[in-house]
Amino acid sequence: MRWSALAAARDTAIARVPWLIAGMRVGSVDRRHLPALAPYRDTLIVADDQVALHPALVDAAERTAALVPINRALRDAGLIAAWRDETYAIVSRHGAEPLALIERAAARFWGTLTFGAHCTGYLADPSGRPTHLWIARRALTKGTDPGKLDNLVGGGVPHGQTPFETLLREGFEEAGLDAATMRLATPGRVIELARDIQEGFMHELLYTFDLRLPADLTPINQDGEVAELRLLPVDEALMLAAGDTMTVDAALVTLDFALRHQLCSAADREHLSARLTPLLSIP
């Protein structure tokens, strides 16, 4: 199995310059987009080697307000895609106080740190060994990765929620699973992605969870963002995840699940674990 997602998790071919707030690097900007930022001299200091928010903007509320018209203009210019009307926090590291708030879609333009929560839904034999995985297919109307295969539940963590709280919300929206069921999910590991994508740059800490489901429970999508949900034998699900029909983040979550539950051969476990380990984060 080639597991192309492992290489894609750290794929940075596009030249970018640091983006700073209060002297701290909080993201990066595609060098080709510097001219689009030049007109906003009251808010941004644009140089050849970096972009900085003006130091006169001293608190999160001021910075948030100043960035709103810029992000709307970038959207109108086609530089920010898949507008969500959801709020993400700009932080320099996990757990830090927000330096500002921005529209979710703008996070990729600015290359800021984001957070995701994904859950692998599975069936197990009497010994507890996983036998089948629930695999979702994203709706063709999705703004990102339409039609790609995905984990049972997954979503971005907005400002004001923890990864587990996001999992509870997404569990019902994407799979019709109530909070009591989703609270049975157990945490896996955290995977760090840093990669160029169509929308810009994805720097994300991806929190993984496992959820054992009973054989008589069939997840049903509620929000129209999932085209189908299929229950697949483990070997078939892993074969799909190792190819290129699954999203990069979902494939990595599936690989992490497989390694932790020893679902790969001993030889595969050794070399795949060695490749995944550099992507693991301790937030």
Protein backbone atom coordinates (compact mmCIF):
# COMPACT_ATOMS: atom_id res chain seq x y z
CA MET A 1 0.00 0.00 0.00
CA ARG A 2 1.43 3.38 -0.96
CA TRP A 3 -0.53 5.69 1.40
CA SER A 4 -0.15 8.83 -0.72
CA ALA A 5 -1.65 10.90 2.11
CA LEU A 6 1.59 10.59 4.07
CA ALA A 7 3.48 12.60 1.45
CA ALA A 8 0.59 15.02 0.95
CA ALA A 9 0.44 15.86 4.67
CA ARG A 10 3.61 17.97 4.36
CA ASP A 11 3.47 19.29 0.80
CA THR A 12 4.75 22.87 0.56
CA ALA A 13 5.77 23.84 -2.95
CA ILE A 14 4.31 27.38 -3.08
CA ALA A 15 6.46 30.29 -1.89
CA ARG A 16 4.89 32.01 1.10
CA VAL A 17 5.94 34.80 3.45
CA PRO A 18 5.25 34.97 7.20
CA TRP A 19 2.18 36.75 8.54
CA LEU A 20 2.71 38.41 11.91
CA ILE A 21 0.44 39.81 14.59
CA ALA A 22 1.96 41.57 17.60
CA GLY A 23 5.37 40.36 16.48
CA MET A 24 4.34 36.70 16.46
CA ARG A 25 4.14 34.54 13.37
CA VAL A 26 0.55 33.33 13.13
CA GLY A 27 0.42 32.23 9.50
CA SER A 28 1.74 32.83 6.02
CA VAL A 29 0.68 34.43 2.75
CA ASP A 30 1.26 33.31 -0.82
CA ARG A 31 3.89 35.68 -2.21
CA ARG A 32 1.79 36.10 -5.37
CA HIS A 33 -0.98 37.69 -3.29
CA LEU A 34 1.12 40.50 -1.80
CA PRO A 35 -0.08 43.05 -4.42
CA ALA A 36 -3.68 42.35 -3.41
CA LEU A 37 -2.82 43.33 0.18
CA ALA A 38 -0.84 46.46 -0.66
CA PRO A 39 -3.86 48.85 -0.68
CA TYR A 40 -4.67 48.17 2.99
CA ARG A 41 -1.90 50.29 4.49
CA ASP A 42 -4.01 51.33 7.49
CA THR A 43 -4.27 47.70 8.55
CA LEU A 44 -1.32 45.84 7.04
CA ILE A 45 2.39 46.43 6.65
CA VAL A 46 3.28 44.59 3.45
CA ALA A 47 6.95 43.91 2.65
CA ASP A 48 8.69 41.54 0.28
CA ASP A 49 9.56 39.15 3.08
CA GLN A 50 6.56 39.38 5.43
CA VAL A 51 3.11 40.79 6.13
CA ALA A 52 2.32 42.26 9.54
CA LEU A 53 -0.87 43.56 11.08
CA HIS A 54 -0.42 47.21 12.00
CA PRO A 55 0.85 47.54 15.61
CA ALA A 56 -1.72 50.27 16.30
CA LEU A 57 -4.32 47.50 16.39
CA VAL A 58 -3.65 46.44 19.95
CA ASP A 59 -6.49 44.11 20.92
CA ALA A 60 -8.43 41.21 19.42
CA ALA A 61 -11.61 43.23 18.84
CA GLU A 62 -9.80 45.93 16.86
CA ARG A 63 -7.91 43.39 14.80
CA THR A 64 -11.05 41.39 14.10
CA ALA A 65 -12.92 44.46 12.89
CA ALA A 66 -10.01 45.59 10.71
CA LEU A 67 -9.73 42.22 8.97
CA VAL A 68 -13.41 41.93 8.06
CA PRO A 69 -13.41 44.30 5.04
CA ILE A 70 -10.09 42.91 3.80
CA ASN A 71 -11.36 39.33 3.82
CA ARG A 72 -14.58 40.34 2.10
CA ALA A 73 -12.59 42.11 -0.60
CA LEU A 74 -10.35 39.08 -1.02
CA ARG A 75 -13.46 36.92 -1.36
CA ASP A 76 -14.88 39.24 -4.01
CA ALA A 77 -11.56 39.06 -5.85
CA GLY A 78 -11.71 35.26 -5.86
CA LEU A 79 -8.77 34.80 -3.47
CA ILE A 80 -10.90 33.37 -0.66
CA ALA A 81 -13.23 30.55 -1.62
CA ALA A 82 -15.98 28.49 0.07
CA TRP A 83 -17.18 31.24 2.43
CA ARG A 84 -18.80 29.62 5.49
CA ASP A 85 -20.03 32.40 7.79
CA GLU A 86 -18.22 30.55 10.59
CA THR A 87 -15.66 32.02 12.94
CA TYR A 88 -12.14 30.72 13.54
CA ALA A 89 -9.65 32.10 16.05
CA ILE A 90 -6.18 33.24 15.08
CA VAL A 91 -3.75 31.76 17.60
CA SER A 92 0.01 31.39 17.62
CA ARG A 93 -0.23 27.92 19.20
CA HIS A 94 -2.74 25.51 20.67
CA GLY A 95 -4.38 26.88 23.81
CA ALA A 96 -3.27 30.48 23.30
CA GLU A 97 -5.67 33.40 23.62
CA PRO A 98 -7.09 34.48 20.23
CA LEU A 99 -5.24 37.41 18.68
CA ALA A 100 -8.22 38.01 16.36
CA LEU A 101 -11.19 36.22 14.84
CA ILE A 102 -11.68 35.60 11.12
CA GLU A 103 -14.08 33.93 8.72
CA ARG A 104 -13.30 30.22 8.48
CA ALA A 105 -12.63 30.30 4.74
CA ALA A 106 -10.04 33.06 5.21
CA ALA A 107 -7.86 30.79 7.37
CA ARG A 108 -6.45 29.09 4.27
CA PHE A 109 -5.55 32.40 2.59
CA TRP A 110 -3.69 33.54 5.71
CA GLY A 111 -2.26 30.08 6.49
CA THR A 112 -3.33 30.26 10.13
CA LEU A 113 -3.39 27.35 12.56
CA THR A 114 -6.74 25.55 12.57
CA PHE A 115 -8.15 22.53 14.34
CA GLY A 116 -10.19 19.57 13.16
CA ALA A 117 -11.97 16.62 14.76
CA HIS A 118 -12.46 13.29 12.96
CA CYS A 119 -14.04 10.09 14.19
CA THR A 120 -13.59 6.56 12.84
CA GLY A 121 -16.79 4.58 13.30
CA TYR A 122 -16.24 0.85 13.44
CA LEU A 123 -17.71 -2.56 14.23
CA ALA A 124 -15.73 -5.11 16.24
CA ASP A 125 -15.72 -8.82 16.94
CA PRO A 126 -16.30 -10.19 20.47
CA SER A 127 -12.61 -9.70 21.31
CA GLY A 128 -12.88 -5.98 20.45
CA ARG A 129 -10.83 -6.20 17.25
CA PRO A 130 -12.27 -3.90 14.53
CA THR A 131 -13.78 -5.81 11.60
CA HIS A 132 -15.56 -3.08 9.59
CA LEU A 133 -15.30 0.70 9.17
CA TRP A 134 -18.04 3.16 8.30
CA ILE A 135 -16.85 5.23 5.33
CA ALA A 136 -18.61 8.37 4.13
CA ARG A 137 -18.63 9.93 0.67
CA ARG A 138 -18.71 13.71 0.63
CA ALA A 139 -21.54 15.34 -1.28
CA LEU A 140 -20.73 16.71 -4.72
CA THR A 141 -21.91 20.12 -3.49
CA LYS A 142 -19.18 20.38 -0.84
CA GLY A 143 -16.89 23.38 -1.27
CA THR A 144 -13.79 21.27 -0.58
CA ASP A 145 -13.02 17.73 -1.75
CA PRO A 146 -16.46 17.05 -3.28
CA GLY A 147 -17.16 13.38 -3.83
CA LYS A 148 -14.10 12.21 -1.90
CA LEU A 149 -14.31 9.45 0.69
CA ASP A 150 -14.19 10.51 4.33
CA ASN A 151 -14.39 9.28 7.90
CA LEU A 152 -17.78 8.67 9.49
CA VAL A 153 -17.67 12.06 11.24
CA GLY A 154 -15.35 15.00 10.68
CA GLY A 155 -15.33 18.77 10.82
CA GLY A 156 -13.46 21.94 11.57
CA VAL A 157 -13.40 23.23 15.15
CA PRO A 158 -14.87 26.75 15.30
CA HIS A 159 -14.03 29.43 17.83
CA GLY A 160 -15.64 28.65 21.19
CA GLN A 161 -15.68 24.86 20.82
CA THR A 162 -13.31 22.07 21.79
CA PRO A 163 -12.58 19.24 19.35
CA PHE A 164 -14.82 16.92 21.35
CA GLU A 165 -17.68 19.43 21.36
CA THR A 166 -17.33 19.72 17.60
CA LEU A 167 -17.44 15.93 17.36
CA LEU A 168 -20.73 15.85 19.28
CA ARG A 169 -22.29 18.40 16.94
CA GLU A 170 -20.94 16.86 13.75
CA GLY A 171 -21.94 13.37 14.90
CA PHE A 172 -25.61 14.25 14.59
CA GLU A 173 -25.30 16.44 11.50
CA GLU A 174 -23.23 13.98 9.48
CA ALA A 175 -24.35 10.60 10.82
CA GLY A 176 -27.53 11.13 12.87
CA LEU A 177 -25.79 9.93 16.04
CA ASP A 178 -27.05 11.44 19.28
CA ALA A 179 -24.84 12.97 21.94
CA ALA A 180 -25.07 9.92 24.20
CA THR A 181 -23.67 7.73 21.42
CA MET A 182 -20.96 10.22 20.43
CA ARG A 183 -19.82 10.58 24.05
CA LEU A 184 -18.63 6.97 23.83
CA ALA A 185 -15.93 8.03 21.37
CA THR A 186 -12.40 7.67 22.70
CA PRO A 187 -9.48 9.92 21.71
CA GLY A 188 -6.73 8.74 19.43
CA ARG A 189 -3.74 10.87 18.52
CA VAL A 190 -3.29 14.35 17.06
CA ILE A 191 -1.96 14.67 13.51
CA GLU A 192 -0.39 17.88 12.21
CA LEU A 193 -0.88 18.80 8.55
CA ALA A 194 1.03 21.57 6.77
CA ARG A 195 0.21 21.51 3.08
CA ASP A 196 -0.61 23.60 0.05
CA ILE A 197 -4.20 23.15 -1.06
CA GLN A 198 -6.39 24.79 -3.67
CA GLU A 199 -7.76 27.29 -1.13
CA GLY A 200 -4.32 28.31 0.14
CA PHE A 201 -2.32 26.72 2.95
CA MET A 202 -3.65 24.19 5.43
CA HIS A 203 -1.92 24.15 8.81
CA GLU A 204 -4.14 22.03 11.03
CA LEU A 205 -4.03 19.95 14.16
CA LEU A 206 -6.36 17.03 13.52
CA TYR A 207 -7.81 15.39 16.63
CA THR A 208 -8.73 11.74 16.06
CA PHE A 209 -11.40 9.71 17.85
CA ASP A 210 -12.64 6.11 17.70
CA LEU A 211 -16.28 5.08 18.08
CA ARG A 212 -17.38 1.46 18.30
CA LEU A 213 -20.93 1.11 17.04
CA PRO A 214 -23.37 -1.79 17.40
CA ALA A 215 -24.06 -3.87 14.32
CA ASP A 216 -27.75 -2.94 14.30
CA LEU A 217 -27.15 0.83 14.18
CA THR A 218 -27.10 2.47 10.75
CA PRO A 219 -25.79 6.06 10.61
CA ILE A 220 -27.94 8.42 8.53
CA ASN A 221 -26.74 11.81 7.29
CA GLN A 222 -28.85 14.79 8.37
CA ASP A 223 -27.34 17.90 6.75
CA GLY A 224 -27.00 16.87 3.12
CA GLU A 225 -23.20 17.11 3.17
CA VAL A 226 -22.70 13.34 2.89
CA ALA A 227 -23.75 11.53 -0.29
CA GLU A 228 -23.58 8.03 1.20
CA LEU A 229 -22.37 5.99 4.16
CA ARG A 230 -21.00 2.51 3.59
CA LEU A 231 -19.92 -0.20 6.00
CA LEU A 232 -16.78 -1.83 4.61
CA PRO A 233 -14.55 -4.68 5.80
CA VAL A 234 -11.35 -3.32 7.35
CA ASP A 235 -9.09 -4.55 4.56
CA GLU A 236 -11.24 -2.90 1.88
CA ALA A 237 -11.44 0.38 3.81
CA LEU A 238 -7.66 0.44 4.31
CA MET A 239 -7.08 -0.22 0.62
CA LEU A 240 -9.22 2.81 -0.25
CA ALA A 241 -7.49 4.98 2.36
CA ALA A 242 -4.09 4.02 0.99
CA GLY A 243 -5.05 5.24 -2.48
CA ASP A 244 -6.19 8.65 -3.65
CA THR A 245 -10.00 8.44 -3.41
CA MET A 246 -10.13 9.55 0.25
CA THR A 247 -9.37 13.03 1.57
CA VAL A 248 -5.84 13.42 2.91
CA ASP A 249 -6.96 14.11 6.46
CA ALA A 250 -9.43 11.18 6.50
CA ALA A 251 -6.79 8.82 5.08
CA LEU A 252 -4.34 9.81 7.81
CA VAL A 253 -6.99 9.34 10.50
CA THR A 254 -7.76 5.90 9.08
CA LEU A 255 -4.06 5.00 9.04
CA ASP A 256 -3.64 6.15 12.63
CA PHE A 257 -6.63 4.00 13.61
CA ALA A 258 -5.20 0.99 11.79
CA LEU A 259 -1.79 1.34 13.45
CA ARG A 260 -3.18 1.81 16.93
CA HIS A 261 -5.45 -1.24 16.56
CA GLN A 262 -2.73 -3.32 14.83
CA LEU A 263 -4.82 -3.89 11.70
CA CYS A 264 -1.83 -3.88 9.34
CA SER A 265 0.71 -6.63 8.93
CA ALA A 266 3.74 -6.47 11.22
CA ALA A 267 5.98 -5.40 8.33
CA ASP A 268 3.59 -2.67 7.20
CA ARG A 269 3.12 -1.45 10.78
CA GLU A 270 6.83 -0.86 11.22
CA HIS A 271 7.44 1.27 8.15
CA LEU A 272 4.05 3.04 8.17
CA SER A 273 4.46 3.93 11.84
CA ALA A 274 7.89 5.36 11.07
CA ARG A 275 6.34 7.55 8.35
CA LEU A 276 3.35 8.67 10.43
CA THR A 277 5.27 9.44 13.62
CA PRO A 278 6.80 12.73 12.34
CA LEU A 279 3.26 13.99 11.68
CA LEU A 280 2.06 13.35 15.23
CA SER A 281 1.66 16.36 17.50
CA ILE A 282 1.53 16.85 21.25
CA PRO A 283 -0.57 20.05 21.46
